[in-house]
Amino acid sequence: VTEKLLHEILVYNNAVPNNEKMLEILKKPLFLNMYLKNNGIYETRGELLDSYIMNWNGGVAERFMLQFSLPLACKRMLEDIPKYEITRGDLLEIIDKSIKIYINDEYVYQDYVFPYKINKDELLKSRTEDNWIEILVNKTGLLVVSEYDVKSLQFAHQYYQEYFAAKH
């Protein structure tokens, strides 16, 4: 985004940041969109990404996958030989693994998941009734179908993959 257009957008939205570093980051449309959706005080790209993802205003399945499943998926993607794609089957396996880790163990659920206001019963009902891969692709927009293989997914932007890898 040009400096002039960026200034106009920020003034129009009454969201002008206090520092030059953030103005430079906001020239990228991805971060400008995040900034406008979660207007706050940010110093770094990481803080902006973290606020945007951790304050996701979606359903229980979306929030669970963003908080707990996608960091595990990135770990798998970056093990041994780093990959930028993951098959739908592998992602579902990781989602089910994250449910076993964070939901099935009541102690872990109470300490790590419950504080995010993720209802266990609602989550498990969604897991049996909804297509969680489609939720990730269509509702979050963080993952897209690979242009090389329809069975595989990749992050819509490398910043997302790096964020979730760091979160793990």
N, C-alpha and C. Protein backbone atom coordinates (compact mmCIF):
# COMPACT_ATOMS: atom_id res chain seq x y z
N VAL A 1 0.86 -1.17 0.00
CA VAL A 1 0.00 0.00 0.00
C VAL A 1 0.90 1.23 0.00
N THR A 2 0.58 2.19 -0.83
CA THR A 2 1.39 3.41 -0.86
C THR A 2 1.22 4.17 0.45
N GLU A 3 2.20 5.01 0.74
CA GLU A 3 2.14 5.79 1.99
C GLU A 3 0.92 6.69 2.02
N LYS A 4 0.61 7.31 0.90
CA LYS A 4 -0.54 8.21 0.84
C LYS A 4 -1.84 7.45 1.11
N LEU A 5 -2.04 6.33 0.43
CA LEU A 5 -3.25 5.54 0.62
C LEU A 5 -3.32 4.99 2.05
N LEU A 6 -2.19 4.52 2.57
CA LEU A 6 -2.15 4.01 3.93
C LEU A 6 -2.58 5.09 4.91
N HIS A 7 -2.04 6.29 4.75
CA HIS A 7 -2.41 7.40 5.64
C HIS A 7 -3.91 7.69 5.56
N GLU A 8 -4.46 7.71 4.35
CA GLU A 8 -5.89 7.97 4.18
C GLU A 8 -6.74 6.90 4.87
N ILE A 9 -6.36 5.64 4.70
CA ILE A 9 -7.11 4.53 5.31
C ILE A 9 -7.05 4.62 6.83
N LEU A 10 -5.87 4.87 7.36
CA LEU A 10 -5.71 4.93 8.82
C LEU A 10 -6.45 6.12 9.42
N VAL A 11 -6.39 7.26 8.78
CA VAL A 11 -7.10 8.44 9.28
C VAL A 11 -8.61 8.20 9.21
N TYR A 12 -9.07 7.65 8.09
CA TYR A 12 -10.51 7.37 7.93
C TYR A 12 -11.01 6.44 9.03
N ASN A 13 -10.20 5.46 9.41
CA ASN A 13 -10.58 4.49 10.44
C ASN A 13 -10.17 4.92 11.85
N ASN A 14 -9.63 6.13 11.97
CA ASN A 14 -9.19 6.66 13.25
C ASN A 14 -8.26 5.64 13.96
N ALA A 15 -7.28 5.17 13.20
CA ALA A 15 -6.43 4.09 13.70
C ALA A 15 -4.95 4.33 13.39
N VAL A 16 -4.49 5.54 13.52
CA VAL A 16 -3.10 5.85 13.19
C VAL A 16 -2.19 5.38 14.31
N PRO A 17 -1.20 4.49 14.00
CA PRO A 17 -0.29 4.01 15.05
C PRO A 17 0.67 5.11 15.49
N ASN A 18 1.28 4.86 16.64
CA ASN A 18 2.19 5.85 17.22
C ASN A 18 3.62 5.74 16.75
N ASN A 19 3.97 4.68 16.01
CA ASN A 19 5.38 4.54 15.66
C ASN A 19 5.57 4.24 14.18
N GLU A 20 6.75 4.64 13.71
CA GLU A 20 7.11 4.48 12.29
C GLU A 20 7.27 3.02 11.89
N LYS A 21 7.77 2.22 12.81
CA LYS A 21 7.97 0.81 12.52
C LYS A 21 6.65 0.13 12.14
N MET A 22 5.59 0.44 12.89
CA MET A 22 4.29 -0.15 12.60
C MET A 22 3.74 0.39 11.28
N LEU A 23 3.98 1.64 10.98
CA LEU A 23 3.53 2.18 9.69
C LEU A 23 4.16 1.42 8.53
N GLU A 24 5.41 1.04 8.69
CA GLU A 24 6.08 0.27 7.64
C GLU A 24 5.45 -1.12 7.50
N ILE A 25 5.14 -1.75 8.62
CA ILE A 25 4.50 -3.07 8.61
C ILE A 25 3.13 -3.00 7.95
N LEU A 26 2.40 -1.92 8.20
CA LEU A 26 1.03 -1.79 7.70
C LEU A 26 0.96 -1.53 6.20
N LYS A 27 2.09 -1.35 5.55
CA LYS A 27 2.08 -1.21 4.09
C LYS A 27 1.71 -2.52 3.41
N LYS A 28 1.85 -3.62 4.13
CA LYS A 28 1.44 -4.92 3.60
C LYS A 28 -0.05 -5.09 3.88
N PRO A 29 -0.87 -5.31 2.85
CA PRO A 29 -2.32 -5.42 3.05
C PRO A 29 -2.73 -6.45 4.10
N LEU A 30 -2.00 -7.57 4.19
CA LEU A 30 -2.31 -8.60 5.18
C LEU A 30 -2.32 -8.01 6.58
N PHE A 31 -1.29 -7.25 6.91
CA PHE A 31 -1.17 -6.68 8.25
C PHE A 31 -2.08 -5.47 8.44
N LEU A 32 -2.31 -4.72 7.39
CA LEU A 32 -3.24 -3.59 7.48
C LEU A 32 -4.63 -4.10 7.83
N ASN A 33 -5.05 -5.17 7.18
CA ASN A 33 -6.36 -5.76 7.46
C ASN A 33 -6.45 -6.22 8.91
N MET A 34 -5.42 -6.90 9.40
CA MET A 34 -5.39 -7.36 10.80
C MET A 34 -5.46 -6.17 11.75
N TYR A 35 -4.70 -5.16 11.45
CA TYR A 35 -4.63 -3.98 12.31
C TYR A 35 -6.00 -3.30 12.41
N LEU A 36 -6.67 -3.18 11.29
CA LEU A 36 -7.97 -2.53 11.29
C LEU A 36 -9.03 -3.36 11.99
N LYS A 37 -8.92 -4.68 11.93
CA LYS A 37 -9.89 -5.55 12.60
C LYS A 37 -9.66 -5.59 14.11
N ASN A 38 -8.41 -5.50 14.54
CA ASN A 38 -8.06 -5.56 15.97
C ASN A 38 -7.29 -4.33 16.36
N ASN A 39 -7.89 -3.19 16.22
CA ASN A 39 -7.20 -1.94 16.50
C ASN A 39 -6.68 -1.95 17.93
N GLY A 40 -5.40 -1.72 18.06
CA GLY A 40 -4.77 -1.71 19.37
C GLY A 40 -3.39 -1.12 19.26
N ILE A 41 -2.61 -1.29 20.30
CA ILE A 41 -1.26 -0.75 20.33
C ILE A 41 -0.30 -1.91 20.07
N TYR A 42 0.37 -1.86 18.94
CA TYR A 42 1.29 -2.92 18.55
C TYR A 42 2.64 -2.30 18.23
N GLU A 43 3.68 -3.02 18.59
CA GLU A 43 5.04 -2.59 18.29
C GLU A 43 5.65 -3.42 17.18
N THR A 44 5.20 -4.68 17.05
CA THR A 44 5.82 -5.59 16.10
C THR A 44 4.77 -6.35 15.28
N ARG A 45 5.23 -6.93 14.20
CA ARG A 45 4.39 -7.79 13.36
C ARG A 45 3.89 -8.98 14.17
N GLY A 46 4.74 -9.55 15.02
CA GLY A 46 4.36 -10.69 15.85
C GLY A 46 3.24 -10.37 16.81
N GLU A 47 3.29 -9.20 17.44
CA GLU A 47 2.22 -8.79 18.34
C GLU A 47 0.91 -8.64 17.60
N LEU A 48 0.97 -8.09 16.41
CA LEU A 48 -0.22 -7.90 15.59
C LEU A 48 -0.82 -9.25 15.20
N LEU A 49 0.02 -10.17 14.71
CA LEU A 49 -0.44 -11.52 14.35
C LEU A 49 -1.03 -12.22 15.57
N ASP A 50 -0.35 -12.15 16.69
CA ASP A 50 -0.81 -12.82 17.89
C ASP A 50 -2.17 -12.29 18.33
N SER A 51 -2.35 -11.02 18.33
CA SER A 51 -3.63 -10.43 18.71
C SER A 51 -4.73 -10.85 17.76
N TYR A 52 -4.45 -10.82 16.48
CA TYR A 52 -5.43 -11.18 15.47
C TYR A 52 -5.89 -12.64 15.62
N ILE A 53 -4.95 -13.54 15.81
CA ILE A 53 -5.29 -14.96 15.87
C ILE A 53 -5.82 -15.35 17.24
N MET A 54 -5.22 -14.87 18.30
CA MET A 54 -5.66 -15.26 19.64
C MET A 54 -7.00 -14.65 20.03
N ASN A 55 -7.38 -13.59 19.38
CA ASN A 55 -8.68 -12.96 19.66
C ASN A 55 -9.69 -13.26 18.55
N TRP A 56 -9.50 -14.40 17.89
CA TRP A 56 -10.36 -14.79 16.78
C TRP A 56 -11.81 -14.83 17.24
N ASN A 57 -12.67 -14.21 16.46
CA ASN A 57 -14.07 -14.12 16.83
C ASN A 57 -14.89 -15.11 16.00
N GLY A 58 -14.60 -16.39 16.17
CA GLY A 58 -15.30 -17.42 15.41
C GLY A 58 -15.88 -18.47 16.32
N GLY A 59 -16.29 -19.57 15.73
CA GLY A 59 -16.87 -20.66 16.47
C GLY A 59 -15.86 -21.41 17.31
N VAL A 60 -16.38 -22.33 18.12
CA VAL A 60 -15.55 -23.08 19.04
C VAL A 60 -14.53 -23.94 18.30
N ALA A 61 -14.92 -24.53 17.17
CA ALA A 61 -13.99 -25.37 16.41
C ALA A 61 -12.85 -24.52 15.85
N GLU A 62 -13.18 -23.37 15.29
CA GLU A 62 -12.15 -22.48 14.74
C GLU A 62 -11.15 -22.08 15.82
N ARG A 63 -11.67 -21.63 16.95
CA ARG A 63 -10.80 -21.16 18.01
C ARG A 63 -9.92 -22.28 18.55
N PHE A 64 -10.48 -23.49 18.69
CA PHE A 64 -9.68 -24.62 19.17
C PHE A 64 -8.56 -24.95 18.19
N MET A 65 -8.91 -25.01 16.91
CA MET A 65 -7.89 -25.35 15.92
C MET A 65 -6.80 -24.29 15.85
N LEU A 66 -7.17 -23.02 15.96
CA LEU A 66 -6.17 -21.96 15.91
C LEU A 66 -5.27 -21.99 17.14
N GLN A 67 -5.86 -22.26 18.28
CA GLN A 67 -5.08 -22.24 19.52
C GLN A 67 -4.23 -23.49 19.71
N PHE A 68 -4.77 -24.66 19.30
CA PHE A 68 -4.14 -25.91 19.69
C PHE A 68 -3.75 -26.83 18.53
N SER A 69 -4.53 -26.92 17.48
CA SER A 69 -4.24 -27.87 16.40
C SER A 69 -3.21 -27.34 15.40
N LEU A 70 -3.34 -26.10 14.97
CA LEU A 70 -2.42 -25.59 13.96
C LEU A 70 -0.97 -25.49 14.44
N PRO A 71 -0.71 -25.17 15.70
CA PRO A 71 0.69 -25.23 16.14
C PRO A 71 1.27 -26.65 16.04
N LEU A 72 0.46 -27.67 16.36
CA LEU A 72 0.92 -29.05 16.20
C LEU A 72 1.14 -29.39 14.72
N ALA A 73 0.26 -28.88 13.86
CA ALA A 73 0.41 -29.14 12.41
C ALA A 73 1.70 -28.52 11.90
N CYS A 74 2.01 -27.33 12.34
CA CYS A 74 3.26 -26.69 11.90
C CYS A 74 4.47 -27.45 12.39
N LYS A 75 4.39 -27.99 13.58
CA LYS A 75 5.50 -28.80 14.08
C LYS A 75 5.74 -29.96 13.13
N ARG A 76 4.66 -30.64 12.74
CA ARG A 76 4.80 -31.78 11.82
C ARG A 76 5.34 -31.32 10.47
N MET A 77 4.85 -30.20 9.98
CA MET A 77 5.26 -29.71 8.67
C MET A 77 6.75 -29.34 8.64
N LEU A 78 7.27 -28.91 9.77
CA LEU A 78 8.65 -28.42 9.79
C LEU A 78 9.64 -29.43 10.38
N GLU A 79 9.17 -30.63 10.73
CA GLU A 79 10.07 -31.67 11.22
C GLU A 79 10.91 -32.21 10.07
N ASP A 80 12.08 -32.71 10.41
CA ASP A 80 12.97 -33.35 9.44
C ASP A 80 13.17 -32.48 8.20
N ILE A 81 12.37 -32.73 7.17
CA ILE A 81 12.47 -31.95 5.92
C ILE A 81 11.30 -30.98 5.91
N PRO A 82 11.56 -29.69 6.03
CA PRO A 82 10.46 -28.72 6.06
C PRO A 82 9.58 -28.80 4.81
N LYS A 83 8.27 -28.79 5.04
CA LYS A 83 7.29 -28.80 3.95
C LYS A 83 6.37 -27.60 4.11
N TYR A 84 5.84 -27.18 3.02
CA TYR A 84 4.92 -26.06 3.06
C TYR A 84 3.50 -26.49 2.78
N GLU A 85 3.29 -27.82 2.71
CA GLU A 85 1.96 -28.37 2.49
C GLU A 85 1.73 -29.51 3.47
N ILE A 86 0.46 -29.79 3.72
CA ILE A 86 0.08 -30.91 4.56
C ILE A 86 -1.17 -31.53 3.95
N THR A 87 -1.22 -32.86 3.95
CA THR A 87 -2.40 -33.50 3.37
C THR A 87 -3.59 -33.32 4.31
N ARG A 88 -4.77 -33.40 3.74
CA ARG A 88 -5.99 -33.29 4.55
C ARG A 88 -6.02 -34.38 5.61
N GLY A 89 -5.62 -35.60 5.23
CA GLY A 89 -5.61 -36.71 6.18
C GLY A 89 -4.65 -36.48 7.34
N ASP A 90 -3.46 -35.99 7.03
CA ASP A 90 -2.49 -35.70 8.09
C ASP A 90 -3.01 -34.60 9.02
N LEU A 91 -3.66 -33.60 8.45
CA LEU A 91 -4.19 -32.52 9.27
C LEU A 91 -5.31 -33.04 10.17
N LEU A 92 -6.18 -33.89 9.65
CA LEU A 92 -7.25 -34.47 10.49
C LEU A 92 -6.65 -35.32 11.61
N GLU A 93 -5.59 -36.05 11.30
CA GLU A 93 -4.91 -36.85 12.32
C GLU A 93 -4.37 -35.95 13.43
N ILE A 94 -3.80 -34.82 13.06
CA ILE A 94 -3.27 -33.88 14.04
C ILE A 94 -4.39 -33.25 14.86
N ILE A 95 -5.50 -32.93 14.20
CA ILE A 95 -6.65 -32.37 14.92
C ILE A 95 -7.14 -33.37 15.97
N ASP A 96 -7.28 -34.63 15.58
CA ASP A 96 -7.73 -35.65 16.53
C ASP A 96 -6.71 -35.84 17.66
N LYS A 97 -5.43 -35.74 17.33
CA LYS A 97 -4.38 -35.84 18.35
C LYS A 97 -4.50 -34.66 19.33
N SER A 98 -4.76 -33.47 18.82
CA SER A 98 -4.90 -32.31 19.71
C SER A 98 -6.13 -32.45 20.60
N ILE A 99 -7.19 -33.09 20.10
CA ILE A 99 -8.37 -33.33 20.94
C ILE A 99 -8.00 -34.30 22.06
N LYS A 100 -7.25 -35.35 21.73
CA LYS A 100 -6.84 -36.30 22.76
C LYS A 100 -5.98 -35.62 23.83
N ILE A 101 -5.09 -34.76 23.39
CA ILE A 101 -4.18 -34.09 24.33
C ILE A 101 -4.91 -33.07 25.19
N TYR A 102 -5.70 -32.20 24.55
CA TYR A 102 -6.23 -31.04 25.25
C TYR A 102 -7.67 -31.18 25.75
N ILE A 103 -8.43 -32.12 25.20
CA ILE A 103 -9.84 -32.23 25.58
C ILE A 103 -10.10 -33.48 26.42
N ASN A 104 -9.57 -34.62 26.01
CA ASN A 104 -9.88 -35.87 26.70
C ASN A 104 -9.29 -35.96 28.10
N ASP A 105 -8.21 -35.27 28.34
CA ASP A 105 -7.62 -35.24 29.69
C ASP A 105 -8.22 -34.05 30.43
N GLU A 106 -9.05 -34.33 31.41
CA GLU A 106 -9.79 -33.28 32.12
C GLU A 106 -8.87 -32.25 32.78
N TYR A 107 -7.72 -32.70 33.29
CA TYR A 107 -6.79 -31.78 33.94
C TYR A 107 -6.20 -30.80 32.93
N VAL A 108 -5.80 -31.32 31.81
CA VAL A 108 -5.23 -30.47 30.75
C VAL A 108 -6.32 -29.53 30.23
N TYR A 109 -7.51 -30.06 30.01
CA TYR A 109 -8.63 -29.22 29.54
C TYR A 109 -8.87 -28.05 30.49
N GLN A 110 -8.96 -28.33 31.78
CA GLN A 110 -9.25 -27.27 32.75
C GLN A 110 -8.14 -26.23 32.81
N ASP A 111 -6.89 -26.66 32.69
CA ASP A 111 -5.77 -25.73 32.79
C ASP A 111 -5.51 -24.93 31.51
N TYR A 112 -5.68 -25.57 30.35
CA TYR A 112 -5.25 -24.93 29.11
C TYR A 112 -6.35 -24.52 28.15
N VAL A 113 -7.46 -25.23 28.12
CA VAL A 113 -8.50 -24.97 27.13
C VAL A 113 -9.65 -24.16 27.71
N PHE A 114 -10.12 -24.54 28.87
CA PHE A 114 -11.25 -23.88 29.50
C PHE A 114 -11.06 -22.36 29.64
N PRO A 115 -9.86 -21.89 29.99
CA PRO A 115 -9.68 -20.43 30.10
C PRO A 115 -9.98 -19.66 28.80
N TYR A 116 -9.91 -20.35 27.65
CA TYR A 116 -10.23 -19.71 26.38
C TYR A 116 -11.73 -19.78 26.07
N LYS A 117 -12.51 -20.22 27.06
CA LYS A 117 -13.97 -20.32 26.91
C LYS A 117 -14.37 -21.23 25.74
N ILE A 118 -13.66 -22.34 25.63
CA ILE A 118 -13.97 -23.36 24.63
C ILE A 118 -14.73 -24.47 25.35
N ASN A 119 -16.00 -24.60 25.04
CA ASN A 119 -16.86 -25.59 25.66
C ASN A 119 -16.57 -26.98 25.10
N LYS A 120 -16.23 -27.90 25.98
CA LYS A 120 -15.83 -29.25 25.57
C LYS A 120 -16.96 -29.96 24.82
N ASP A 121 -18.18 -29.95 25.34
CA ASP A 121 -19.29 -30.66 24.71
C ASP A 121 -19.62 -30.09 23.34
N GLU A 122 -19.62 -28.78 23.25
CA GLU A 122 -19.89 -28.12 21.97
C GLU A 122 -18.79 -28.45 20.94
N LEU A 123 -17.56 -28.49 21.41
CA LEU A 123 -16.44 -28.81 20.53
C LEU A 123 -16.54 -30.24 20.00
N LEU A 124 -16.80 -31.19 20.88
CA LEU A 124 -16.89 -32.59 20.46
C LEU A 124 -18.09 -32.82 19.54
N LYS A 125 -19.18 -32.11 19.79
CA LYS A 125 -20.34 -32.21 18.90
C LYS A 125 -19.98 -31.68 17.51
N SER A 126 -19.28 -30.57 17.47
CA SER A 126 -18.85 -30.00 16.19
C SER A 126 -17.91 -30.95 15.45
N ARG A 127 -17.04 -31.63 16.20
CA ARG A 127 -16.09 -32.54 15.55
C ARG A 127 -16.80 -33.68 14.84
N THR A 128 -17.94 -34.14 15.38
CA THR A 128 -18.67 -35.24 14.73
C THR A 128 -19.61 -34.74 13.63
N GLU A 129 -20.05 -33.49 13.72
CA GLU A 129 -21.06 -32.99 12.78
C GLU A 129 -20.49 -32.12 11.66
N ASP A 130 -19.35 -31.50 11.87
CA ASP A 130 -18.83 -30.53 10.92
C ASP A 130 -17.55 -31.03 10.25
N ASN A 131 -17.27 -30.51 9.09
CA ASN A 131 -16.03 -30.79 8.37
C ASN A 131 -15.00 -29.74 8.78
N TRP A 132 -14.11 -30.12 9.66
CA TRP A 132 -13.16 -29.15 10.23
C TRP A 132 -12.15 -28.65 9.20
N ILE A 133 -11.84 -29.45 8.21
CA ILE A 133 -10.93 -28.97 7.16
C ILE A 133 -11.60 -27.83 6.41
N GLU A 134 -12.86 -27.99 6.08
CA GLU A 134 -13.59 -26.93 5.38
C GLU A 134 -13.72 -25.69 6.26
N ILE A 135 -13.87 -25.88 7.55
CA ILE A 135 -13.92 -24.73 8.47
C ILE A 135 -12.60 -23.96 8.38
N LEU A 136 -11.49 -24.68 8.42
CA LEU A 136 -10.18 -24.00 8.35
C LEU A 136 -10.00 -23.27 7.03
N VAL A 137 -10.42 -23.90 5.94
CA VAL A 137 -10.23 -23.29 4.63
C VAL A 137 -11.22 -22.15 4.40
N ASN A 138 -12.49 -22.40 4.65
CA ASN A 138 -13.53 -21.43 4.28
C ASN A 138 -13.82 -20.36 5.32
N LYS A 139 -13.68 -20.68 6.60
CA LYS A 139 -14.03 -19.69 7.63
C LYS A 139 -12.85 -18.90 8.15
N THR A 140 -11.68 -19.54 8.20
CA THR A 140 -10.53 -18.78 8.71
C THR A 140 -9.74 -18.14 7.58
N GLY A 141 -9.67 -18.81 6.44
CA GLY A 141 -8.88 -18.28 5.34
C GLY A 141 -7.38 -18.41 5.56
N LEU A 142 -6.98 -19.07 6.64
CA LEU A 142 -5.56 -19.21 6.93
C LEU A 142 -4.93 -20.32 6.09
N LEU A 143 -5.72 -21.30 5.71
CA LEU A 143 -5.25 -22.39 4.87
C LEU A 143 -5.98 -22.36 3.54
N VAL A 144 -5.28 -22.75 2.50
CA VAL A 144 -5.86 -22.82 1.16
C VAL A 144 -5.49 -24.17 0.55
N VAL A 145 -6.27 -24.58 -0.45
CA VAL A 145 -5.97 -25.81 -1.17
C VAL A 145 -4.72 -25.58 -2.00
N SER A 146 -3.83 -26.55 -1.97
CA SER A 146 -2.59 -26.45 -2.73
C SER A 146 -2.87 -26.35 -4.22
N GLU A 147 -2.11 -25.53 -4.89
CA GLU A 147 -2.28 -25.42 -6.35
C GLU A 147 -1.69 -26.62 -7.07
N TYR A 148 -0.90 -27.44 -6.37
CA TYR A 148 -0.25 -28.60 -6.98
C TYR A 148 -0.97 -29.91 -6.71
N ASP A 149 -1.72 -29.98 -5.59
CA ASP A 149 -2.36 -31.23 -5.20
C ASP A 149 -3.61 -30.92 -4.39
N VAL A 150 -4.79 -31.26 -4.88
CA VAL A 150 -6.05 -30.93 -4.20
C VAL A 150 -6.20 -31.65 -2.87
N LYS A 151 -5.39 -32.71 -2.63
CA LYS A 151 -5.46 -33.41 -1.35
C LYS A 151 -4.66 -32.69 -0.27
N SER A 152 -3.91 -31.68 -0.66
CA SER A 152 -3.03 -31.00 0.28
C SER A 152 -3.47 -29.56 0.51
N LEU A 153 -3.08 -29.06 1.67
CA LEU A 153 -3.36 -27.68 2.04
C LEU A 153 -2.04 -26.98 2.34
N GLN A 154 -2.07 -25.68 2.22
CA GLN A 154 -0.92 -24.87 2.60
C GLN A 154 -1.43 -23.59 3.24
N PHE A 155 -0.59 -22.94 3.98
CA PHE A 155 -1.00 -21.68 4.60
C PHE A 155 -1.14 -20.62 3.52
N ALA A 156 -2.14 -19.77 3.69
CA ALA A 156 -2.40 -18.72 2.71
C ALA A 156 -1.23 -17.75 2.61
N HIS A 157 -0.49 -17.64 3.68
CA HIS A 157 0.69 -16.78 3.69
C HIS A 157 1.73 -17.41 4.61
N GLN A 158 2.97 -17.28 4.24
CA GLN A 158 4.05 -17.87 5.03
C GLN A 158 4.09 -17.28 6.44
N TYR A 159 3.65 -16.05 6.62
CA TYR A 159 3.63 -15.45 7.96
C TYR A 159 2.78 -16.30 8.91
N TYR A 160 1.68 -16.84 8.41
CA TYR A 160 0.83 -17.67 9.25
C TYR A 160 1.57 -18.93 9.70
N GLN A 161 2.24 -19.59 8.77
CA GLN A 161 2.96 -20.81 9.12
C GLN A 161 4.06 -20.50 10.13
N GLU A 162 4.78 -19.43 9.92
CA GLU A 162 5.83 -19.07 10.85
C GLU A 162 5.27 -18.74 12.23
N TYR A 163 4.12 -18.08 12.26
CA TYR A 163 3.48 -17.74 13.53
C TYR A 163 3.13 -19.00 14.30
N PHE A 164 2.43 -19.95 13.65
CA PHE A 164 2.00 -21.16 14.34
C PHE A 164 3.20 -22.03 14.73
N ALA A 165 4.23 -22.04 13.93
CA ALA A 165 5.45 -22.78 14.28
C ALA A 165 6.06 -22.17 15.55
N ALA A 166 6.11 -20.87 15.60
CA ALA A 166 6.65 -20.20 16.78
C ALA A 166 5.75 -20.43 18.00
N LYS A 167 4.44 -20.48 17.78
CA LYS A 167 3.49 -20.72 18.87
C LYS A 167 3.72 -22.08 19.50
N HIS A 168 4.09 -23.07 18.67
CA HIS A 168 4.31 -24.41 19.21
C HIS A 168 5.51 -24.37 20.14
